[in-house]
Amino acid sequence: MHATRETDQAVNLALFDFDGTLCTRDSFTHFIFYALSKRHIVRQGIKILPWIQAYYLKLYPAPSMRIKLFDSMFRDTPLPPIQQLAKEYAQQLMNHLDPKLYAQLKQHQLRGDKVVIVSASIDLYLKPLADLLDVELICTEVDIRNQIITG
């Protein structure tokens, strides 16, 4: 895929999926365990257990489950402590990048290509990661009002 700059010079666009591709694991689930106490996870998990079971039985769709899980775990949480944990987590994610794909990403950057990470995961930790990688980002944006995570 090519885009055109004002100088009419062609630029390649390199898109990288994140979870399970550039990153070797599911970053969202690991972020929950990184950022929240086990007690909170269990308490909130019990509340949505019927949806979790339906998801694993393939009766409840993954996109809906992700929203339900995020809301259950993070809704009404103050942003600043989670934001700090997300920055730390982004640093740790650097250790879980697929070496071959990370090398490809760097090659694209050296050639001057526009590199974009595309993910259904959340911007809380993906934005700091994109900054570390010096790439652009398309992902799920967390809703925040008055420094409180609302959805």
N, C-alpha and C. Protein backbone atom coordinates (compact mmCIF):
# COMPACT_ATOMS: atom_id res chain seq x y z
N MET A 1 0.85 -1.17 0.00
CA MET A 1 0.00 0.00 0.00
C MET A 1 0.90 1.23 0.00
N HIS A 2 0.56 2.22 -0.77
CA HIS A 2 1.39 3.42 -0.88
C HIS A 2 0.57 4.67 -0.59
N ALA A 3 1.22 5.61 0.04
CA ALA A 3 0.64 6.93 0.24
C ALA A 3 1.55 7.92 -0.48
N THR A 4 1.07 9.12 -0.69
CA THR A 4 1.88 10.10 -1.40
C THR A 4 2.12 11.30 -0.51
N ARG A 5 3.38 11.71 -0.41
CA ARG A 5 3.73 12.93 0.32
C ARG A 5 3.53 14.12 -0.60
N GLU A 6 3.66 15.31 -0.03
CA GLU A 6 3.52 16.53 -0.83
C GLU A 6 4.58 16.59 -1.93
N THR A 7 5.69 15.91 -1.73
CA THR A 7 6.76 15.93 -2.73
C THR A 7 6.51 14.88 -3.81
N ASP A 8 5.35 14.22 -3.77
CA ASP A 8 4.98 13.16 -4.71
C ASP A 8 5.90 11.96 -4.62
N GLN A 9 6.61 11.83 -3.53
CA GLN A 9 7.48 10.67 -3.32
C GLN A 9 6.65 9.58 -2.64
N ALA A 10 6.67 8.38 -3.21
CA ALA A 10 5.88 7.27 -2.65
C ALA A 10 6.45 6.84 -1.31
N VAL A 11 5.56 6.55 -0.38
CA VAL A 11 5.95 6.08 0.95
C VAL A 11 5.21 4.78 1.21
N ASN A 12 5.92 3.79 1.65
CA ASN A 12 5.27 2.53 2.00
C ASN A 12 4.61 2.65 3.36
N LEU A 13 3.52 1.94 3.51
CA LEU A 13 2.79 1.88 4.77
C LEU A 13 2.92 0.46 5.30
N ALA A 14 3.49 0.32 6.47
CA ALA A 14 3.66 -0.99 7.09
C ALA A 14 2.75 -1.08 8.31
N LEU A 15 1.79 -1.99 8.26
CA LEU A 15 0.84 -2.19 9.36
C LEU A 15 1.21 -3.46 10.11
N PHE A 16 1.26 -3.36 11.43
CA PHE A 16 1.58 -4.50 12.27
C PHE A 16 0.46 -4.74 13.26
N ASP A 17 -0.12 -5.94 13.22
CA ASP A 17 -1.05 -6.35 14.26
C ASP A 17 -0.24 -6.53 15.53
N PHE A 18 -0.86 -6.32 16.68
CA PHE A 18 -0.07 -6.38 17.91
C PHE A 18 -0.20 -7.72 18.63
N ASP A 19 -1.33 -7.98 19.28
CA ASP A 19 -1.47 -9.19 20.11
C ASP A 19 -1.39 -10.46 19.28
N GLY A 20 -0.47 -11.32 19.66
CA GLY A 20 -0.31 -12.59 18.98
C GLY A 20 0.49 -12.50 17.69
N THR A 21 0.91 -11.30 17.32
CA THR A 21 1.71 -11.12 16.11
C THR A 21 3.01 -10.42 16.49
N LEU A 22 3.00 -9.09 16.53
CA LEU A 22 4.21 -8.38 16.95
C LEU A 22 4.54 -8.71 18.40
N CYS A 23 3.52 -8.78 19.22
CA CYS A 23 3.70 -9.21 20.62
C CYS A 23 3.34 -10.69 20.70
N THR A 24 4.15 -11.44 21.39
CA THR A 24 3.98 -12.90 21.42
C THR A 24 2.89 -13.37 22.38
N ARG A 25 2.23 -12.44 23.07
CA ARG A 25 1.19 -12.84 24.02
C ARG A 25 0.01 -11.88 23.98
N ASP A 26 -1.02 -12.20 24.72
CA ASP A 26 -2.22 -11.36 24.82
C ASP A 26 -1.93 -10.25 25.83
N SER A 27 -1.67 -9.07 25.34
CA SER A 27 -1.26 -7.97 26.22
C SER A 27 -2.38 -7.50 27.15
N PHE A 28 -3.62 -7.56 26.70
CA PHE A 28 -4.73 -7.05 27.50
C PHE A 28 -4.92 -7.87 28.78
N THR A 29 -4.99 -9.18 28.64
CA THR A 29 -5.18 -10.04 29.82
C THR A 29 -4.01 -9.88 30.79
N HIS A 30 -2.80 -9.85 30.26
CA HIS A 30 -1.64 -9.68 31.13
C HIS A 30 -1.64 -8.31 31.82
N PHE A 31 -2.17 -7.28 31.14
CA PHE A 31 -2.24 -5.96 31.76
C PHE A 31 -3.18 -5.98 32.96
N ILE A 32 -4.28 -6.69 32.85
CA ILE A 32 -5.20 -6.79 33.98
C ILE A 32 -4.46 -7.34 35.20
N PHE A 33 -3.70 -8.43 35.00
CA PHE A 33 -2.98 -9.03 36.12
C PHE A 33 -1.80 -8.18 36.58
N TYR A 34 -1.26 -7.36 35.69
CA TYR A 34 -0.16 -6.47 36.05
C TYR A 34 -0.66 -5.28 36.88
N ALA A 35 -1.81 -4.74 36.50
CA ALA A 35 -2.28 -3.49 37.08
C ALA A 35 -3.19 -3.64 38.29
N LEU A 36 -3.84 -4.77 38.44
CA LEU A 36 -4.85 -4.91 39.47
C LEU A 36 -4.50 -6.01 40.47
N SER A 37 -5.06 -5.88 41.67
CA SER A 37 -4.82 -6.90 42.69
C SER A 37 -5.58 -8.17 42.35
N LYS A 38 -5.06 -9.29 42.81
CA LYS A 38 -5.74 -10.57 42.58
C LYS A 38 -7.14 -10.55 43.20
N ARG A 39 -7.25 -9.93 44.35
CA ARG A 39 -8.54 -9.85 45.03
C ARG A 39 -9.57 -9.12 44.17
N HIS A 40 -9.16 -8.00 43.59
CA HIS A 40 -10.06 -7.23 42.72
C HIS A 40 -10.45 -8.05 41.49
N ILE A 41 -9.48 -8.72 40.90
CA ILE A 41 -9.74 -9.52 39.70
C ILE A 41 -10.74 -10.64 40.00
N VAL A 42 -10.55 -11.32 41.11
CA VAL A 42 -11.46 -12.42 41.48
C VAL A 42 -12.86 -11.87 41.77
N ARG A 43 -12.93 -10.80 42.56
CA ARG A 43 -14.22 -10.21 42.93
C ARG A 43 -15.00 -9.77 41.69
N GLN A 44 -14.32 -9.09 40.79
CA GLN A 44 -14.98 -8.61 39.58
C GLN A 44 -15.25 -9.75 38.60
N GLY A 45 -14.34 -10.71 38.56
CA GLY A 45 -14.50 -11.86 37.67
C GLY A 45 -15.73 -12.69 38.02
N ILE A 46 -15.99 -12.83 39.30
CA ILE A 46 -17.17 -13.57 39.75
C ILE A 46 -18.45 -12.89 39.26
N LYS A 47 -18.44 -11.57 39.25
CA LYS A 47 -19.62 -10.82 38.81
C LYS A 47 -19.95 -11.06 37.33
N ILE A 48 -18.92 -11.33 36.54
CA ILE A 48 -19.17 -11.53 35.10
C ILE A 48 -18.94 -12.98 34.68
N LEU A 49 -18.93 -13.88 35.64
CA LEU A 49 -18.68 -15.29 35.36
C LEU A 49 -19.61 -15.89 34.30
N PRO A 50 -20.90 -15.58 34.31
CA PRO A 50 -21.76 -16.15 33.25
C PRO A 50 -21.30 -15.73 31.84
N TRP A 51 -20.84 -14.50 31.68
CA TRP A 51 -20.37 -14.04 30.37
C TRP A 51 -19.04 -14.69 30.00
N ILE A 52 -18.19 -14.89 31.01
CA ILE A 52 -16.91 -15.57 30.77
C ILE A 52 -17.17 -17.00 30.28
N GLN A 53 -18.08 -17.68 30.96
CA GLN A 53 -18.41 -19.05 30.55
C GLN A 53 -19.00 -19.07 29.14
N ALA A 54 -19.89 -18.15 28.86
CA ALA A 54 -20.50 -18.08 27.53
C ALA A 54 -19.43 -17.79 26.47
N TYR A 55 -18.48 -16.95 26.80
CA TYR A 55 -17.39 -16.64 25.86
C TYR A 55 -16.60 -17.91 25.55
N TYR A 56 -16.22 -18.66 26.58
CA TYR A 56 -15.43 -19.88 26.35
C TYR A 56 -16.24 -20.98 25.66
N LEU A 57 -17.55 -20.92 25.77
CA LEU A 57 -18.41 -21.85 25.04
C LEU A 57 -18.75 -21.33 23.64
N LYS A 58 -18.13 -20.20 23.27
CA LYS A 58 -18.34 -19.56 21.96
C LYS A 58 -19.79 -19.11 21.76
N LEU A 59 -20.44 -18.75 22.87
CA LEU A 59 -21.81 -18.25 22.82
C LEU A 59 -21.86 -16.73 22.99
N TYR A 60 -20.74 -16.13 23.35
CA TYR A 60 -20.66 -14.69 23.57
C TYR A 60 -19.46 -14.18 22.79
N PRO A 61 -19.63 -13.18 21.93
CA PRO A 61 -18.56 -12.76 21.03
C PRO A 61 -17.39 -12.08 21.73
N ALA A 62 -16.21 -12.29 21.19
CA ALA A 62 -14.98 -11.74 21.78
C ALA A 62 -15.01 -10.22 21.94
N PRO A 63 -15.46 -9.45 20.93
CA PRO A 63 -15.47 -8.00 21.12
C PRO A 63 -16.35 -7.56 22.30
N SER A 64 -17.49 -8.21 22.46
CA SER A 64 -18.38 -7.89 23.57
C SER A 64 -17.76 -8.31 24.90
N MET A 65 -17.07 -9.45 24.89
CA MET A 65 -16.43 -9.94 26.12
C MET A 65 -15.32 -8.98 26.55
N ARG A 66 -14.56 -8.47 25.59
CA ARG A 66 -13.47 -7.54 25.92
C ARG A 66 -14.04 -6.29 26.60
N ILE A 67 -15.15 -5.77 26.09
CA ILE A 67 -15.78 -4.59 26.69
C ILE A 67 -16.28 -4.90 28.09
N LYS A 68 -16.95 -6.03 28.23
CA LYS A 68 -17.49 -6.44 29.54
C LYS A 68 -16.35 -6.61 30.56
N LEU A 69 -15.27 -7.25 30.12
CA LEU A 69 -14.12 -7.47 31.00
C LEU A 69 -13.47 -6.15 31.39
N PHE A 70 -13.25 -5.28 30.41
CA PHE A 70 -12.63 -3.99 30.71
C PHE A 70 -13.48 -3.19 31.69
N ASP A 71 -14.78 -3.09 31.41
CA ASP A 71 -15.67 -2.34 32.29
C ASP A 71 -15.68 -2.91 33.71
N SER A 72 -15.72 -4.22 33.80
CA SER A 72 -15.74 -4.87 35.10
C SER A 72 -14.47 -4.58 35.89
N MET A 73 -13.35 -4.59 35.22
CA MET A 73 -12.06 -4.44 35.91
C MET A 73 -11.66 -2.99 36.16
N PHE A 74 -11.99 -2.08 35.22
CA PHE A 74 -11.41 -0.73 35.28
C PHE A 74 -12.40 0.42 35.44
N ARG A 75 -13.69 0.19 35.21
CA ARG A 75 -14.65 1.30 35.29
C ARG A 75 -14.59 1.96 36.67
N ASP A 76 -14.63 3.29 36.67
CA ASP A 76 -14.63 4.13 37.88
C ASP A 76 -13.29 4.08 38.63
N THR A 77 -12.24 3.71 37.94
CA THR A 77 -10.90 3.68 38.54
C THR A 77 -10.20 5.00 38.25
N PRO A 78 -9.53 5.59 39.24
CA PRO A 78 -8.76 6.81 38.98
C PRO A 78 -7.67 6.54 37.94
N LEU A 79 -7.53 7.45 37.00
CA LEU A 79 -6.58 7.29 35.91
C LEU A 79 -5.10 7.33 36.32
N PRO A 80 -4.65 8.29 37.14
CA PRO A 80 -3.20 8.44 37.35
C PRO A 80 -2.44 7.17 37.76
N PRO A 81 -2.92 6.39 38.74
CA PRO A 81 -2.14 5.19 39.08
C PRO A 81 -2.13 4.15 37.96
N ILE A 82 -3.25 4.00 37.27
CA ILE A 82 -3.32 3.03 36.16
C ILE A 82 -2.43 3.50 35.01
N GLN A 83 -2.43 4.80 34.77
CA GLN A 83 -1.60 5.36 33.70
C GLN A 83 -0.12 5.10 33.98
N GLN A 84 0.30 5.25 35.21
CA GLN A 84 1.70 4.99 35.57
C GLN A 84 2.03 3.51 35.39
N LEU A 85 1.13 2.64 35.83
CA LEU A 85 1.33 1.20 35.64
C LEU A 85 1.37 0.84 34.16
N ALA A 86 0.55 1.51 33.36
CA ALA A 86 0.52 1.25 31.92
C ALA A 86 1.85 1.62 31.27
N LYS A 87 2.46 2.71 31.70
CA LYS A 87 3.78 3.10 31.16
C LYS A 87 4.84 2.06 31.52
N GLU A 88 4.80 1.58 32.75
CA GLU A 88 5.75 0.54 33.18
C GLU A 88 5.50 -0.75 32.39
N TYR A 89 4.25 -1.07 32.19
CA TYR A 89 3.88 -2.28 31.46
C TYR A 89 4.36 -2.20 30.00
N ALA A 90 4.24 -1.02 29.41
CA ALA A 90 4.72 -0.83 28.03
C ALA A 90 6.21 -1.16 27.93
N GLN A 91 6.97 -0.77 28.92
CA GLN A 91 8.41 -1.09 28.95
C GLN A 91 8.59 -2.61 28.96
N GLN A 92 7.79 -3.31 29.76
CA GLN A 92 7.90 -4.76 29.84
C GLN A 92 7.49 -5.44 28.53
N LEU A 93 6.51 -4.85 27.85
CA LEU A 93 6.07 -5.44 26.58
C LEU A 93 7.19 -5.47 25.54
N MET A 94 8.13 -4.56 25.65
CA MET A 94 9.26 -4.54 24.72
C MET A 94 9.99 -5.88 24.75
N ASN A 95 9.98 -6.56 25.89
CA ASN A 95 10.64 -7.86 26.02
C ASN A 95 9.82 -9.01 25.43
N HIS A 96 8.60 -8.72 25.00
CA HIS A 96 7.73 -9.76 24.46
C HIS A 96 7.42 -9.55 22.99
N LEU A 97 8.25 -8.77 22.31
CA LEU A 97 8.06 -8.57 20.88
C LEU A 97 8.74 -9.71 20.13
N ASP A 98 8.07 -10.19 19.10
CA ASP A 98 8.64 -11.24 18.26
C ASP A 98 9.89 -10.68 17.59
N PRO A 99 11.05 -11.30 17.81
CA PRO A 99 12.31 -10.74 17.28
C PRO A 99 12.32 -10.55 15.77
N LYS A 100 11.76 -11.48 15.02
CA LYS A 100 11.75 -11.36 13.56
C LYS A 100 10.86 -10.21 13.11
N LEU A 101 9.67 -10.10 13.70
CA LEU A 101 8.77 -9.03 13.32
C LEU A 101 9.29 -7.67 13.78
N TYR A 102 9.91 -7.64 14.95
CA TYR A 102 10.51 -6.39 15.44
C TYR A 102 11.62 -5.94 14.49
N ALA A 103 12.41 -6.87 14.00
CA ALA A 103 13.47 -6.55 13.03
C ALA A 103 12.85 -6.01 11.74
N GLN A 104 11.73 -6.59 11.30
CA GLN A 104 11.03 -6.09 10.12
C GLN A 104 10.55 -4.66 10.35
N LEU A 105 9.98 -4.42 11.52
CA LEU A 105 9.51 -3.08 11.87
C LEU A 105 10.65 -2.08 11.77
N LYS A 106 11.80 -2.43 12.34
CA LYS A 106 12.97 -1.54 12.31
C LYS A 106 13.44 -1.31 10.87
N GLN A 107 13.39 -2.35 10.04
CA GLN A 107 13.79 -2.20 8.63
C GLN A 107 12.88 -1.20 7.92
N HIS A 108 11.59 -1.31 8.17
CA HIS A 108 10.65 -0.36 7.57
C HIS A 108 10.98 1.07 8.01
N GLN A 109 11.29 1.24 9.28
CA GLN A 109 11.63 2.57 9.77
C GLN A 109 12.90 3.10 9.10
N LEU A 110 13.89 2.24 8.96
CA LEU A 110 15.14 2.66 8.31
C LEU A 110 14.92 3.07 6.86
N ARG A 111 13.95 2.45 6.20
CA ARG A 111 13.64 2.80 4.81
C ARG A 111 12.78 4.06 4.71
N GLY A 112 12.31 4.55 5.86
CA GLY A 112 11.46 5.74 5.85
C GLY A 112 9.99 5.44 5.66
N ASP A 113 9.61 4.18 5.81
CA ASP A 113 8.21 3.81 5.67
C ASP A 113 7.40 4.30 6.86
N LYS A 114 6.12 4.51 6.65
CA LYS A 114 5.22 4.85 7.74
C LYS A 114 4.81 3.55 8.42
N VAL A 115 5.11 3.42 9.71
CA VAL A 115 4.83 2.19 10.45
C VAL A 115 3.70 2.47 11.44
N VAL A 116 2.70 1.57 11.43
CA VAL A 116 1.53 1.73 12.28
C VAL A 116 1.23 0.40 12.96
N ILE A 117 1.02 0.44 14.28
CA ILE A 117 0.52 -0.72 15.01
C ILE A 117 -1.01 -0.62 15.02
N VAL A 118 -1.66 -1.73 14.70
CA VAL A 118 -3.12 -1.79 14.67
C VAL A 118 -3.54 -2.85 15.68
N SER A 119 -4.43 -2.47 16.60
CA SER A 119 -4.79 -3.42 17.65
C SER A 119 -6.17 -3.12 18.22
N ALA A 120 -6.83 -4.16 18.68
CA ALA A 120 -8.08 -3.99 19.42
C ALA A 120 -7.79 -3.71 20.89
N SER A 121 -6.53 -3.85 21.31
CA SER A 121 -6.16 -3.58 22.69
C SER A 121 -6.21 -2.08 22.97
N ILE A 122 -6.00 -1.73 24.23
CA ILE A 122 -6.27 -0.36 24.69
C ILE A 122 -5.06 0.57 24.63
N ASP A 123 -5.38 1.83 24.49
CA ASP A 123 -4.36 2.86 24.36
C ASP A 123 -3.59 3.14 25.65
N LEU A 124 -4.11 2.74 26.80
CA LEU A 124 -3.42 3.04 28.06
C LEU A 124 -1.97 2.59 28.03
N TYR A 125 -1.72 1.39 27.54
CA TYR A 125 -0.34 0.90 27.46
C TYR A 125 0.20 0.88 26.04
N LEU A 126 -0.69 0.85 25.04
CA LEU A 126 -0.19 0.82 23.66
C LEU A 126 0.37 2.17 23.21
N LYS A 127 -0.18 3.28 23.71
CA LYS A 127 0.35 4.59 23.34
C LYS A 127 1.79 4.75 23.85
N PRO A 128 2.08 4.45 25.12
CA PRO A 128 3.47 4.53 25.56
C PRO A 128 4.39 3.58 24.79
N LEU A 129 3.86 2.40 24.43
CA LEU A 129 4.66 1.46 23.64
C LEU A 129 4.93 2.02 22.25
N ALA A 130 3.91 2.59 21.62
CA ALA A 130 4.09 3.19 20.29
C ALA A 130 5.12 4.32 20.35
N ASP A 131 5.10 5.07 21.45
CA ASP A 131 6.11 6.13 21.62
C ASP A 131 7.51 5.53 21.73
N LEU A 132 7.63 4.44 22.48
CA LEU A 132 8.94 3.78 22.61
C LEU A 132 9.44 3.27 21.26
N LEU A 133 8.51 2.76 20.45
CA LEU A 133 8.87 2.20 19.15
C LEU A 133 8.95 3.26 18.05
N ASP A 134 8.48 4.47 18.36
CA ASP A 134 8.44 5.57 17.40
C ASP A 134 7.60 5.20 16.18
N VAL A 135 6.38 4.70 16.46
CA VAL A 135 5.44 4.32 15.40
C VAL A 135 4.09 4.99 15.69
N GLU A 136 3.22 4.95 14.70
CA GLU A 136 1.86 5.45 14.90
C GLU A 136 0.99 4.30 15.42
N LEU A 137 -0.23 4.65 15.84
CA LEU A 137 -1.07 3.66 16.52
C LEU A 137 -2.53 3.84 16.15
N ILE A 138 -3.19 2.71 15.87
CA ILE A 138 -4.64 2.65 15.75
C ILE A 138 -5.09 1.58 16.73
N CYS A 139 -5.88 1.96 17.73
CA CYS A 139 -6.29 1.00 18.75
C CYS A 139 -7.57 1.47 19.43
N THR A 140 -8.02 0.69 20.39
CA THR A 140 -9.19 1.04 21.19
C THR A 140 -8.80 2.14 22.17
N GLU A 141 -9.59 3.19 22.19
CA GLU A 141 -9.32 4.30 23.10
C GLU A 141 -10.21 4.18 24.33
N VAL A 142 -9.58 4.31 25.48
CA VAL A 142 -10.29 4.25 26.76
C VAL A 142 -10.97 5.59 26.99
N ASP A 143 -12.22 5.55 27.46
CA ASP A 143 -12.95 6.77 27.78
C ASP A 143 -12.58 7.22 29.18
N ILE A 144 -12.19 8.49 29.29
CA ILE A 144 -11.76 9.05 30.58
C ILE A 144 -12.47 10.37 30.77
N ARG A 145 -13.05 10.55 31.95
CA ARG A 145 -13.70 11.82 32.30
C ARG A 145 -13.27 12.22 33.70
N ASN A 146 -12.77 13.44 33.81
CA ASN A 146 -12.33 13.97 35.10
C ASN A 146 -11.32 13.04 35.79
N GLN A 147 -10.39 12.52 34.98
CA GLN A 147 -9.32 11.65 35.49
C GLN A 147 -9.83 10.34 36.06
N ILE A 148 -11.03 9.92 35.63
CA ILE A 148 -11.62 8.63 36.03
C ILE A 148 -11.88 7.83 34.76
N ILE A 149 -11.50 6.56 34.77
CA ILE A 149 -11.76 5.67 33.64
C ILE A 149 -13.25 5.33 33.65
N THR A 150 -13.91 5.63 32.53
CA THR A 150 -15.36 5.42 32.47
C THR A 150 -15.78 4.35 31.50
N GLY A 151 -14.86 3.87 30.68
CA GLY A 151 -15.23 2.81 29.75
C GLY A 151 -14.28 2.72 28.60
